[in-house]
PDB file of N, CA and C in Angstrom:
ATOM      1  N   MET A   1     -22.862  31.305  29.295  1.00  0.00           N
ATOM      2  CA  MET A   1     -22.459  31.883  28.041  1.00  0.00           C
ATOM      3  C   MET A   1     -21.443  31.004  27.023  1.00  0.00           C
ATOM      4  N   ARG A   2     -21.893  31.433  26.292  1.00  0.00           N
ATOM      5  CA  ARG A   2     -21.202  30.449  24.732  1.00  0.00           C
ATOM      6  C   ARG A   2     -19.122  31.067  25.028  1.00  0.00           C
ATOM      7  N   LYS A   3     -18.534  29.641  24.964  1.00  0.00           N
ATOM      8  CA  LYS A   3     -16.742  29.577  24.763  1.00  0.00           C
ATOM      9  C   LYS A   3     -16.316  29.944  23.800  1.00  0.00           C
ATOM     10  N   PRO A   4     -16.095  30.751  23.341  1.00  0.00           N
ATOM     11  CA  PRO A   4     -15.769  31.530  22.011  1.00  0.00           C
ATOM     12  C   PRO A   4     -14.997  30.337  21.370  1.00  0.00           C
ATOM     13  N   ARG A   5     -14.998  30.262  19.340  1.00  0.00           N
ATOM     14  CA  ARG A   5     -14.154  29.647  19.249  1.00  0.00           C
ATOM     15  C   ARG A   5     -12.320  29.910  19.024  1.00  0.00           C
ATOM     16  N   ASP A   6     -11.601  29.001  19.230  1.00  0.00           N
ATOM     17  CA  ASP A   6     -10.270  29.743  18.556  1.00  0.00           C
ATOM     18  C   ASP A   6      -9.697  28.817  17.263  1.00  0.00           C
ATOM     19  N   TYR A   7     -10.402  29.379  16.237  1.00  0.00           N
ATOM     20  CA  TYR A   7     -11.015  28.907  14.898  1.00  0.00           C
ATOM     21  C   TYR A   7      -8.476  28.921  14.927  1.00  0.00           C
ATOM     22  N   ASP A   8      -7.996  29.875  15.298  1.00  0.00           N
ATOM     23  CA  ASP A   8      -6.101  29.726  14.733  1.00  0.00           C
ATOM     24  C   ASP A   8      -6.135  27.983  15.143  1.00  0.00           C
ATOM     25  N   SER A   9      -6.058  27.559  16.225  1.00  0.00           N
ATOM     26  CA  SER A   9      -5.770  26.886  16.726  1.00  0.00           C
ATOM     27  C   SER A   9      -6.807  25.870  16.143  1.00  0.00           C
ATOM     28  N   GLU A  10      -7.609  25.821  15.999  1.00  0.00           N
ATOM     29  CA  GLU A  10      -8.414  24.577  15.196  1.00  0.00           C
ATOM     30  C   GLU A  10      -8.331  24.896  12.747  1.00  0.00           C
ATOM     31  N   LEU A  11      -7.576  25.417  12.733  1.00  0.00           N
ATOM     32  CA  LEU A  11      -6.875  25.366  11.775  1.00  0.00           C
ATOM     33  C   LEU A  11      -5.265  25.305  12.010  1.00  0.00           C
ATOM     34  N   LYS A  12      -4.527  25.462  12.431  1.00  0.00           N
ATOM     35  CA  LYS A  12      -3.675  25.321  12.594  1.00  0.00           C
ATOM     36  C   LYS A  12      -3.684  23.519  13.405  1.00  0.00           C
ATOM     37  N   ALA A  13      -4.477  22.890  13.898  1.00  0.00           N
ATOM     38  CA  ALA A  13      -4.458  21.428  13.746  1.00  0.00           C
ATOM     39  C   ALA A  13      -5.081  20.685  12.584  1.00  0.00           C
ATOM     40  N   LEU A  14      -5.619  21.353  11.592  1.00  0.00           N
ATOM     41  CA  LEU A  14      -6.123  20.914  10.427  1.00  0.00           C
ATOM     42  C   LEU A  14      -4.955  20.843   9.592  1.00  0.00           C
ATOM     43  N   GLU A  15      -4.385  21.633   9.492  1.00  0.00           N
ATOM     44  CA  GLU A  15      -2.981  22.295   8.859  1.00  0.00           C
ATOM     45  C   GLU A  15      -1.951  21.123   9.358  1.00  0.00           C
ATOM     46  N   ASP A  16      -1.629  20.407  10.342  1.00  0.00           N
ATOM     47  CA  ASP A  16      -0.544  19.528  10.884  1.00  0.00           C
ATOM     48  C   ASP A  16      -1.379  18.165  10.490  1.00  0.00           C
ATOM     49  N   LYS A  17      -2.718  18.317  10.716  1.00  0.00           N
ATOM     50  CA  LYS A  17      -3.406  16.703  10.699  1.00  0.00           C
ATOM     51  C   LYS A  17      -2.983  16.606   8.349  1.00  0.00           C
ATOM     52  N   ALA A  18      -3.473  17.086   7.593  1.00  0.00           N
ATOM     53  CA  ALA A  18      -2.978  17.551   6.459  1.00  0.00           C
ATOM     54  C   ALA A  18      -1.816  17.187   5.983  1.00  0.00           C
ATOM     55  N   LYS A  19      -0.727  18.064   6.710  1.00  0.00           N
ATOM     56  CA  LYS A  19       0.612  17.671   6.404  1.00  0.00           C
ATOM     57  C   LYS A  19       0.846  16.356   7.231  1.00  0.00           C
ATOM     58  N   GLU A  20       0.817  15.604   7.571  1.00  0.00           N
ATOM     59  CA  GLU A  20       1.022  14.384   8.124  1.00  0.00           C
ATOM     60  C   GLU A  20       0.113  13.385   6.956  1.00  0.00           C
ATOM     61  N   LEU A  21      -0.582  13.438   6.814  1.00  0.00           N
ATOM     62  CA  LEU A  21      -2.023  12.698   5.856  1.00  0.00           C
ATOM     63  C   LEU A  21      -0.495  12.846   4.528  1.00  0.00           C
ATOM     64  N   LYS A  22      -0.107  13.805   4.023  1.00  0.00           N
ATOM     65  CA  LYS A  22       0.544  13.763   2.743  1.00  0.00           C
ATOM     66  C   LYS A  22       1.898  12.834   3.347  1.00  0.00           C
ATOM     67  N   THR A  23       3.012  13.277   4.559  1.00  0.00           N
ATOM     68  CA  THR A  23       3.412  12.788   4.640  1.00  0.00           C
ATOM     69  C   THR A  23       3.574  11.235   4.163  1.00  0.00           C
ATOM     70  N   ARG A  24       2.460  10.346   4.926  1.00  0.00           N
ATOM     71  CA  ARG A  24       2.124   9.026   4.415  1.00  0.00           C
ATOM     72  C   ARG A  24       1.568   8.404   3.577  1.00  0.00           C
ATOM     73  N   LYS A  25       1.307   9.717   2.670  1.00  0.00           N
ATOM     74  CA  LYS A  25       0.901   8.930   1.092  1.00  0.00           C
ATOM     75  C   LYS A  25       2.596   9.226   0.267  1.00  0.00           C
ATOM     76  N   VAL A  26       3.354   9.848   1.251  1.00  0.00           N
ATOM     77  CA  VAL A  26       4.534   9.781  -0.201  1.00  0.00           C
ATOM     78  C   VAL A  26       5.135   9.149   0.405  1.00  0.00           C
ATOM     79  N   GLN A  27       4.932   8.557   1.892  1.00  0.00           N
ATOM     80  CA  GLN A  27       5.656   7.257   2.499  1.00  0.00           C
ATOM     81  C   GLN A  27       5.696   5.917   1.726  1.00  0.00           C
ATOM     82  N   GLN A  28       4.389   5.942   1.391  1.00  0.00           N
ATOM     83  CA  GLN A  28       3.795   4.635   1.116  1.00  0.00           C
ATOM     84  C   GLN A  28       3.680   4.575  -0.582  1.00  0.00           C
ATOM     85  N   LEU A  29       3.382   5.367  -0.856  1.00  0.00           N
ATOM     86  CA  LEU A  29       4.091   5.772  -2.641  1.00  0.00           C
ATOM     87  C   LEU A  29       5.168   5.207  -2.572  1.00  0.00           C
ATOM     88  N   GLY A  30       6.352   5.546  -1.957  1.00  0.00           N
ATOM     89  CA  GLY A  30       7.637   4.906  -2.079  1.00  0.00           C
ATOM     90  C   GLY A  30       7.608   3.751  -1.764  1.00  0.00           C
ATOM     91  N   GLU A  31       7.309   3.157  -0.590  1.00  0.00           N
ATOM     92  CA  GLU A  31       6.951   2.022  -0.042  1.00  0.00           C
ATOM     93  C   GLU A  31       6.369   0.699  -1.050  1.00  0.00           C
ATOM     94  N   LEU A  32       5.651   1.384  -2.524  1.00  0.00           N
ATOM     95  CA  LEU A  32       4.822   0.743  -3.130  1.00  0.00           C
ATOM     96  C   LEU A  32       6.073   0.585  -4.414  1.00  0.00           C
ATOM     97  N   VAL A  33       6.056   1.251  -4.205  1.00  0.00           N
ATOM     98  CA  VAL A  33       7.725   1.252  -5.173  1.00  0.00           C
ATOM     99  C   VAL A  33       8.664   0.593  -5.372  1.00  0.00           C
ATOM    100  N   ILE A  34       9.060   0.468  -4.294  1.00  0.00           N
ATOM    101  CA  ILE A  34      10.277  -0.525  -3.516  1.00  0.00           C
ATOM    102  C   ILE A  34       9.612  -1.684  -4.036  1.00  0.00           C
ATOM    103  N   ALA A  35       8.558  -2.227  -2.810  1.00  0.00           N
ATOM    104  CA  ALA A  35       7.890  -3.147  -2.994  1.00  0.00           C
ATOM    105  C   ALA A  35       7.709  -4.083  -4.024  1.00  0.00           C
ATOM    106  N   THR A  36       6.984  -3.534  -6.109  1.00  0.00           N
ATOM    107  CA  THR A  36       6.759  -3.663  -6.570  1.00  0.00           C
ATOM    108  C   THR A  36       8.387  -3.821  -7.604  1.00  0.00           C
ATOM    109  N   GLY A  37       9.602  -3.665  -7.575  1.00  0.00           N
ATOM    110  CA  GLY A  37      10.689  -3.793  -7.916  1.00  0.00           C
ATOM    111  C   GLY A  37      10.763  -2.227  -8.657  1.00  0.00           C
ATOM    112  N   ALA A  38       9.947  -1.410  -8.922  1.00  0.00           N
ATOM    113  CA  ALA A  38       9.884  -0.479  -9.978  1.00  0.00           C
ATOM    114  C   ALA A  38      11.363   0.726  -9.277  1.00  0.00           C
ATOM    115  N   ASP A  39      11.818   0.042  -8.406  1.00  0.00           N
ATOM    116  CA  ASP A  39      12.901   1.176  -7.979  1.00  0.00           C
ATOM    117  C   ASP A  39      14.268   0.893  -8.769  1.00  0.00           C
ATOM    118  N   SER A  40      14.262  -0.080  -9.473  1.00  0.00           N
ATOM    119  CA  SER A  40      15.559  -0.579 -10.453  1.00  0.00           C
ATOM    120  C   SER A  40      15.092   0.560 -11.510  1.00  0.00           C
ATOM    121  N   PHE A  41      14.253   1.450 -11.680  1.00  0.00           N
ATOM    122  CA  PHE A  41      14.236   2.076 -12.811  1.00  0.00           C
ATOM    123  C   PHE A  41      14.331   3.593 -12.541  1.00  0.00           C
ATOM    124  N   SER A  42      14.699   4.205 -13.547  1.00  0.00           N
ATOM    125  CA  SER A  42      15.424   5.956 -13.166  1.00  0.00           C
ATOM    126  C   SER A  42      14.128   6.588 -12.844  1.00  0.00           C
ATOM    127  N   ALA A  43      14.182   7.320 -11.930  1.00  0.00           N
ATOM    128  CA  ALA A  43      13.668   8.569 -12.427  1.00  0.00           C
ATOM    129  C   ALA A  43      12.185   8.542 -13.396  1.00  0.00           C
ATOM    130  N   ASP A  44      13.436   9.371 -14.218  1.00  0.00           N
ATOM    131  CA  ASP A  44      12.623   9.531 -16.104  1.00  0.00           C
ATOM    132  C   ASP A  44      12.004   8.390 -16.484  1.00  0.00           C
ATOM    133  N   GLU A  45      12.502   7.223 -16.128  1.00  0.00           N
ATOM    134  CA  GLU A  45      11.034   6.151 -16.489  1.00  0.00           C
ATOM    135  C   GLU A  45      10.077   5.589 -15.792  1.00  0.00           C
ATOM    136  N   LEU A  46      10.442   5.917 -14.485  1.00  0.00           N
ATOM    137  CA  LEU A  46       9.341   5.935 -13.616  1.00  0.00           C
ATOM    138  C   LEU A  46       8.363   7.119 -14.122  1.00  0.00           C
ATOM    139  N   ALA A  47       8.889   8.334 -13.537  1.00  0.00           N
ATOM    140  CA  ALA A  47       8.021   8.947 -14.215  1.00  0.00           C
ATOM    141  C   ALA A  47       7.165   9.345 -16.010  1.00  0.00           C
ATOM    142  N   GLY A  48       7.671   8.979 -16.318  1.00  0.00           N
ATOM    143  CA  GLY A  48       7.290   8.337 -17.796  1.00  0.00           C
ATOM    144  C   GLY A  48       5.809   7.716 -18.271  1.00  0.00           C
ATOM    145  N   ALA A  49       6.589   6.603 -17.496  1.00  0.00           N
ATOM    146  CA  ALA A  49       5.722   5.634 -17.541  1.00  0.00           C
ATOM    147  C   ALA A  49       3.987   5.876 -16.592  1.00  0.00           C
ATOM    148  N   LEU A  50       4.359   6.507 -15.858  1.00  0.00           N
ATOM    149  CA  LEU A  50       3.402   6.795 -14.337  1.00  0.00           C
ATOM    150  C   LEU A  50       2.607   8.428 -14.950  1.00  0.00           C
ATOM    151  N   LEU A  51       2.949   8.995 -16.254  1.00  0.00           N
ATOM    152  CA  LEU A  51       2.167   9.993 -17.418  1.00  0.00           C
ATOM    153  C   LEU A  51       1.655   9.032 -17.894  1.00  0.00           C
ATOM    154  N   VAL A  52       2.098   7.982 -18.783  1.00  0.00           N
ATOM    155  CA  VAL A  52       1.215   7.264 -19.863  1.00  0.00           C
ATOM    156  C   VAL A  52      -0.115   6.368 -18.713  1.00  0.00           C
ATOM    157  N   LEU A  53      -0.011   5.960 -17.582  1.00  0.00           N
ATOM    158  CA  LEU A  53      -0.779   5.631 -16.464  1.00  0.00           C
ATOM    159  C   LEU A  53      -2.174   6.740 -16.917  1.00  0.00           C
ATOM    160  N   ALA A  54      -1.301   8.330 -15.911  1.00  0.00           N
ATOM    161  CA  ALA A  54      -2.428   9.438 -15.270  1.00  0.00           C
ATOM    162  C   ALA A  54      -3.276   9.720 -16.919  1.00  0.00           C
ATOM    163  N   GLU A  55      -2.592   9.476 -17.993  1.00  0.00           N
ATOM    164  CA  GLU A  55      -3.261   9.824 -19.536  1.00  0.00           C
ATOM    165  C   GLU A  55      -4.182   8.843 -20.199  1.00  0.00           C
ATOM    166  N   THR A  56      -4.186   7.755 -19.862  1.00  0.00           N
ATOM    167  CA  THR A  56      -4.506   6.729 -20.045  1.00  0.00           C
ATOM    168  C   THR A  56      -6.425   6.621 -19.792  1.00  0.00           C
ATOM    169  N   LYS A  57      -6.904   6.496 -20.498  1.00  0.00           N
ATOM    170  CA  LYS A  57      -8.424   7.042 -20.411  1.00  0.00           C
ATOM    171  C   LYS A  57      -9.251   5.138 -21.337  1.00  0.00           C
ATOM    172  N   ASP A  58      -8.576   4.553 -21.293  1.00  0.00           N
ATOM    173  CA  ASP A  58      -9.014   3.320 -21.966  1.00  0.00           C
ATOM    174  C   ASP A  58      -9.586   2.756 -20.429  1.00  0.00           C
ATOM    175  N   ALA A  59     -10.996   2.416 -19.995  1.00  0.00           N
ATOM    176  CA  ALA A  59     -11.587   1.190 -19.094  1.00  0.00           C
ATOM    177  C   ALA A  59     -11.034   0.450 -18.950  1.00  0.00           C
ATOM    178  N   ALA A  60     -10.938  -0.235 -19.877  1.00  0.00           N
ATOM    179  CA  ALA A  60     -10.553  -1.702 -19.564  1.00  0.00           C
ATOM    180  C   ALA A  60      -8.909  -1.587 -19.438  1.00  0.00           C
ATOM    181  N   LYS A  61      -8.721  -0.760 -19.802  1.00  0.00           N
ATOM    182  CA  LYS A  61      -6.611  -1.131 -19.658  1.00  0.00           C
ATOM    183  C   LYS A  61      -6.941  -0.948 -18.428  1.00  0.00           C
ATOM    184  N   ARG A  62      -7.566   0.182 -17.956  1.00  0.00           N
ATOM    185  CA  ARG A  62      -7.358   0.878 -16.218  1.00  0.00           C
ATOM    186  C   ARG A  62      -7.887  -0.971 -15.150  1.00  0.00           C
ATOM    187  N   GLU A  63      -9.141  -0.826 -15.687  1.00  0.00           N
ATOM    188  CA  GLU A  63      -9.597  -2.547 -14.913  1.00  0.00           C
ATOM    189  C   GLU A  63      -8.584  -3.669 -14.639  1.00  0.00           C
ATOM    190  N   ALA A  64      -8.045  -3.799 -16.088  1.00  0.00           N
ATOM    191  CA  ALA A  64      -7.086  -4.574 -16.181  1.00  0.00           C
ATOM    192  C   ALA A  64      -6.159  -4.085 -14.718  1.00  0.00           C
ATOM    193  N   TRP A  65      -4.919  -2.905 -15.163  1.00  0.00           N
ATOM    194  CA  TRP A  65      -4.244  -2.821 -13.905  1.00  0.00           C
ATOM    195  C   TRP A  65      -4.464  -2.986 -12.947  1.00  0.00           C
ATOM    196  N   ALA A  66      -6.090  -2.740 -12.239  1.00  0.00           N
ATOM    197  CA  ALA A  66      -6.673  -2.404 -11.145  1.00  0.00           C
ATOM    198  C   ALA A  66      -6.420  -3.973 -10.534  1.00  0.00           C
ATOM    199  N   LYS A  67      -7.197  -4.875 -11.412  1.00  0.00           N
ATOM    200  CA  LYS A  67      -6.798  -6.716 -11.404  1.00  0.00           C
ATOM    201  C   LYS A  67      -5.771  -7.141 -11.124  1.00  0.00           C
ATOM    202  N   ARG A  68      -4.744  -6.567 -11.831  1.00  0.00           N
ATOM    203  CA  ARG A  68      -3.376  -7.145 -12.098  1.00  0.00           C
ATOM    204  C   ARG A  68      -2.694  -6.752 -10.624  1.00  0.00           C
ATOM    205  N   GLY A  69      -3.034  -5.288 -10.282  1.00  0.00           N
ATOM    206  CA  GLY A  69      -2.135  -4.422  -8.780  1.00  0.00           C
ATOM    207  C   GLY A  69      -3.322  -5.309  -7.596  1.00  0.00           C
ATOM    208  N   ALA A  70      -4.285  -5.413  -7.731  1.00  0.00           N
ATOM    209  CA  ALA A  70      -4.876  -6.445  -6.958  1.00  0.00           C
ATOM    210  C   ALA A  70      -5.168  -7.825  -6.222  1.00  0.00           C
ATOM    211  N   ALA A  71      -4.467  -8.576  -7.767  1.00  0.00           N
ATOM    212  CA  ALA A  71      -3.428  -9.990  -7.318  1.00  0.00           C
ATOM    213  C   ALA A  71      -2.229  -9.555  -6.299  1.00  0.00           C
ATOM    214  N   PHE A  72      -1.427  -8.480  -6.843  1.00  0.00           N
ATOM    215  CA  PHE A  72      -0.354  -8.790  -6.610  1.00  0.00           C
ATOM    216  C   PHE A  72      -0.083  -8.210  -4.713  1.00  0.00           C
ATOM    217  N   PHE A  73      -1.350  -7.785  -4.782  1.00  0.00           N
ATOM    218  CA  PHE A  73      -1.283  -7.301  -2.740  1.00  0.00           C
ATOM    219  C   PHE A  73      -2.135  -8.809  -2.346  1.00  0.00           C
ATOM    220  N   ARG A  74      -2.968  -9.219  -3.045  1.00  0.00           N
ATOM    221  CA  ARG A  74      -3.386 -10.588  -2.675  1.00  0.00           C
ATOM    222  C   ARG A  74      -1.989 -11.776  -2.428  1.00  0.00           C
ATOM    223  N   GLY A  75      -0.938 -11.496  -3.697  1.00  0.00           N
ATOM    224  CA  GLY A  75       0.017 -12.239  -3.238  1.00  0.00           C
ATOM    225  C   GLY A  75       1.017 -12.153  -2.644  1.00  0.00           C
ATOM    226  N   ARG A  76       1.140 -11.182  -2.218  1.00  0.00           N
ATOM    227  CA  ARG A  76       2.268 -10.530  -0.978  1.00  0.00           C
ATOM    228  C   ARG A  76       1.670 -10.569  -0.072  1.00  0.00           C
ATOM    229  N   SER A  77       0.495 -10.844   0.672  1.00  0.00           N
ATOM    230  CA  SER A  77      -0.597 -10.940   1.573  1.00  0.00           C
ATOM    231  C   SER A  77       0.358 -12.609   1.837  1.00  0.00           C
ATOM    232  N   ARG A  78      -0.416 -13.541   1.223  1.00  0.00           N
ATOM    233  CA  ARG A  78      -0.235 -15.187   1.412  1.00  0.00           C
ATOM    234  C   ARG A  78       1.139 -15.380   1.338  1.00  0.00           C
ATOM    235  N   ARG A  79       2.038 -14.250   0.904  1.00  0.00           N
ATOM    236  CA  ARG A  79       3.914 -14.555   0.743  1.00  0.00           C
ATOM    237  C   ARG A  79       4.238 -14.606   2.254  1.00  0.00           C
ATOM    238  N   SER A  80       3.787 -12.951   2.618  1.00  0.00           N
ATOM    239  CA  SER A  80       4.502 -12.880   4.197  1.00  0.00           C
ATOM    240  C   SER A  80       4.069 -13.970   4.817  1.00  0.00           C
ATOM    241  N   ALA A  81       2.458 -14.598   5.022  1.00  0.00           N
ATOM    242  CA  ALA A  81       2.361 -14.915   5.918  1.00  0.00           C
ATOM    243  C   ALA A  81       3.095 -16.468   5.970  1.00  0.00           C
ATOM    244  N   THR A  82       3.581 -17.088   4.927  1.00  0.00           N
ATOM    245  CA  THR A  82       3.872 -18.493   4.591  1.00  0.00           C
ATOM    246  C   THR A  82       5.764 -17.584   4.959  1.00  0.00           C
ATOM    247  N   ALA A  83       5.798 -16.890   4.607  1.00  0.00           N
ATOM    248  CA  ALA A  83       7.561 -16.363   5.107  1.00  0.00           C
ATOM    249  C   ALA A  83       7.974 -16.243   7.063  1.00  0.00           C
ATOM    250  N   SER A  84       6.289 -16.272   7.160  1.00  0.00           N
ATOM    251  CA  SER A  84       6.043 -16.328   8.534  1.00  0.00           C
ATOM    252  C   SER A  84       6.251 -17.853   9.068  1.00  0.00           C
ATOM    253  N   ASP A  85       5.061 -18.084   8.434  1.00  0.00           N
ATOM    254  CA  ASP A  85       5.379 -19.696   8.934  1.00  0.00           C
ATOM    255  C   ASP A  85       6.551 -20.740   8.963  1.00  0.00           C
ATOM    256  N   ARG A  86       7.092 -20.412   7.658  1.00  0.00           N
ATOM    257  CA  ARG A  86       8.382 -20.900   7.524  1.00  0.00           C
ATOM    258  C   ARG A  86       9.496 -20.395   9.094  1.00  0.00           C
ATOM    259  N   ASP A  87       9.050 -19.589   9.533  1.00  0.00           N
ATOM    260  CA  ASP A  87      10.009 -18.749  11.002  1.00  0.00           C
ATOM    261  C   ASP A  87      10.202 -19.745  11.826  1.00  0.00           C
ATOM    262  N   THR A  88       8.589 -20.082  11.935  1.00  0.00           N
ATOM    263  CA  THR A  88       8.225 -20.450  13.464  1.00  0.00           C
ATOM    264  C   THR A  88       9.395 -22.166  13.013  1.00  0.00           C
ATOM    265  N   GLY A  89       8.918 -22.959  11.656  1.00  0.00           N
ATOM    266  CA  GLY A  89       9.520 -24.388  11.782  1.00  0.00           C
ATOM    267  C   GLY A  89       8.802 -25.017  10.677  1.00  0.00           C
ATOM    268  N   GLY A  90       9.389 -26.418  10.245  1.00  0.00           N
ATOM    269  CA  GLY A  90       8.722 -26.679   8.900  1.00  0.00           C
ATOM    270  C   GLY A  90       7.747 -27.549   9.895  1.00  0.00           C
ATOM    271  N   ALA A  91       7.383 -28.416  10.507  1.00  0.00           N
ATOM    272  CA  ALA A  91       6.001 -28.555  10.587  1.00  0.00           C
ATOM    273  C   ALA A  91       4.814 -27.811  10.774  1.00  0.00           C
ATOM    274  N   GLN A  92       5.116 -27.225  11.484  1.00  0.00           N
ATOM    275  CA  GLN A  92       4.174 -25.935  11.630  1.00  0.00           C
ATOM    276  C   GLN A  92       3.579 -24.956  10.250  1.00  0.00           C
ATOM    277  N   ALA A  93       4.484 -24.698   9.220  1.00  0.00           N
ATOM    278  CA  ALA A  93       4.942 -24.349   8.455  1.00  0.00           C
ATOM    279  C   ALA A  93       3.454 -25.429   7.243  1.00  0.00           C
ATOM    280  N   GLN A  94       3.695 -26.369   7.232  1.00  0.00           N
ATOM    281  CA  GLN A  94       2.751 -27.087   6.636  1.00  0.00           C
ATOM    282  C   GLN A  94       1.477 -26.917   7.078  1.00  0.00           C
ATOM    283  N   SER A  95       0.868 -27.452   8.253  1.00  0.00           N
ATOM    284  CA  SER A  95      -0.347 -27.126   9.037  1.00  0.00           C
ATOM    285  C   SER A  95      -0.484 -25.626   8.719  1.00  0.00           C
ATOM    286  N   GLY A  96      -0.323 -24.837   9.033  1.00  0.00           N
ATOM    287  CA  GLY A  96      -0.392 -23.171   8.808  1.00  0.00           C
ATOM    288  C   GLY A  96      -0.130 -23.097   7.280  1.00  0.00           C
ATOM    289  N   GLY A  97       0.248 -23.815   6.211  1.00  0.00           N
ATOM    290  CA  GLY A  97      -0.648 -23.745   4.813  1.00  0.00           C
ATOM    291  C   GLY A  97      -1.892 -24.130   4.906  1.00  0.00           C
ATOM    292  N   THR A  98      -2.210 -24.956   5.549  1.00  0.00           N
ATOM    293  CA  THR A  98      -3.681 -25.194   5.030  1.00  0.00           C
ATOM    294  C   THR A  98      -4.758 -24.050   5.823  1.00  0.00           C
ATOM    295  N   GLN A  99      -3.918 -23.632   6.637  1.00  0.00           N
ATOM    296  CA  GLN A  99      -5.354 -22.454   7.179  1.00  0.00           C
ATOM    297  C   GLN A  99      -4.533 -21.206   6.659  1.00  0.00           C
ATOM    298  N   SER A 100      -4.151 -21.017   5.725  1.00  0.00           N
ATOM    299  CA  SER A 100      -3.773 -19.475   5.024  1.00  0.00           C
ATOM    300  C   SER A 100      -4.572 -18.458   5.222  1.00  0.00           C
ATOM    301  N   PRO A 101      -5.965 -18.628   5.108  1.00  0.00           N
ATOM    302  CA  PRO A 101      -7.085 -17.149   5.254  1.00  0.00           C
ATOM    303  C   PRO A 101      -7.477 -17.357   6.434  1.00  0.00           C
ATOM    304  N   ALA A 102      -7.197 -17.902   7.230  1.00  0.00           N
ATOM    305  CA  ALA A 102      -6.839 -17.281   9.273  1.00  0.00           C
ATOM    306  C   ALA A 102      -5.767 -16.477   9.391  1.00  0.00           C
ATOM    307  N   GLY A 103      -4.719 -17.069   8.438  1.00  0.00           N
ATOM    308  CA  GLY A 103      -3.569 -16.722   8.948  1.00  0.00           C
ATOM    309  C   GLY A 103      -3.043 -15.133   7.821  1.00  0.00           C
ATOM    310  N   GLY A 104      -3.314 -15.619   7.023  1.00  0.00           N
ATOM    311  CA  GLY A 104      -3.408 -14.299   6.162  1.00  0.00           C
ATOM    312  C   GLY A 104      -3.874 -12.720   6.484  1.00  0.00           C
ATOM    313  N   THR A 105      -5.104 -12.946   7.198  1.00  0.00           N
ATOM    314  CA  THR A 105      -5.718 -12.044   7.836  1.00  0.00           C
ATOM    315  C   THR A 105      -5.009 -11.514   9.173  1.00  0.00           C
ATOM    316  N   GLY A 106      -4.295 -12.721   9.884  1.00  0.00           N
ATOM    317  CA  GLY A 106      -3.815 -12.239  10.809  1.00  0.00           C
ATOM    318  C   GLY A 106      -2.688 -11.369  10.590  1.00  0.00           C
ATOM    319  N   ALA A 107      -2.057 -11.637   9.629  1.00  0.00           N
ATOM    320  CA  ALA A 107      -0.276 -10.928   8.796  1.00  0.00           C
ATOM    321  C   ALA A 107      -0.517  -9.559   7.995  1.00  0.00           C
ATOM    322  N   ALA A 108      -1.831  -9.381   7.926  1.00  0.00           N
ATOM    323  CA  ALA A 108      -2.115  -8.271   6.428  1.00  0.00           C
ATOM    324  C   ALA A 108      -2.085  -7.201   7.925  1.00  0.00           C
TER     325      ALA A 108
END
């Protein structure tokens, strides 16, 4: 005989997972605001800028923004790898700089 499913516990587990994902998304968005330096703007300024972004239908502008964002994240991963190389010493930072692709994937 089949065991009956406990729909209530499954629903509770799904709700908990959704809440966790939403919390993580909010935290990551906050980290993004700080990482880009946008935390120096007021909430009204940030909201206005995000509204303009959300209302923009121009594909070329959105693509340009996406490329700039991707470049920002690529640059951050290189900078964090370089910063960790600097922490280990000057001579190692130079040799680590020549091996940045391998170091960059490990630091990310």
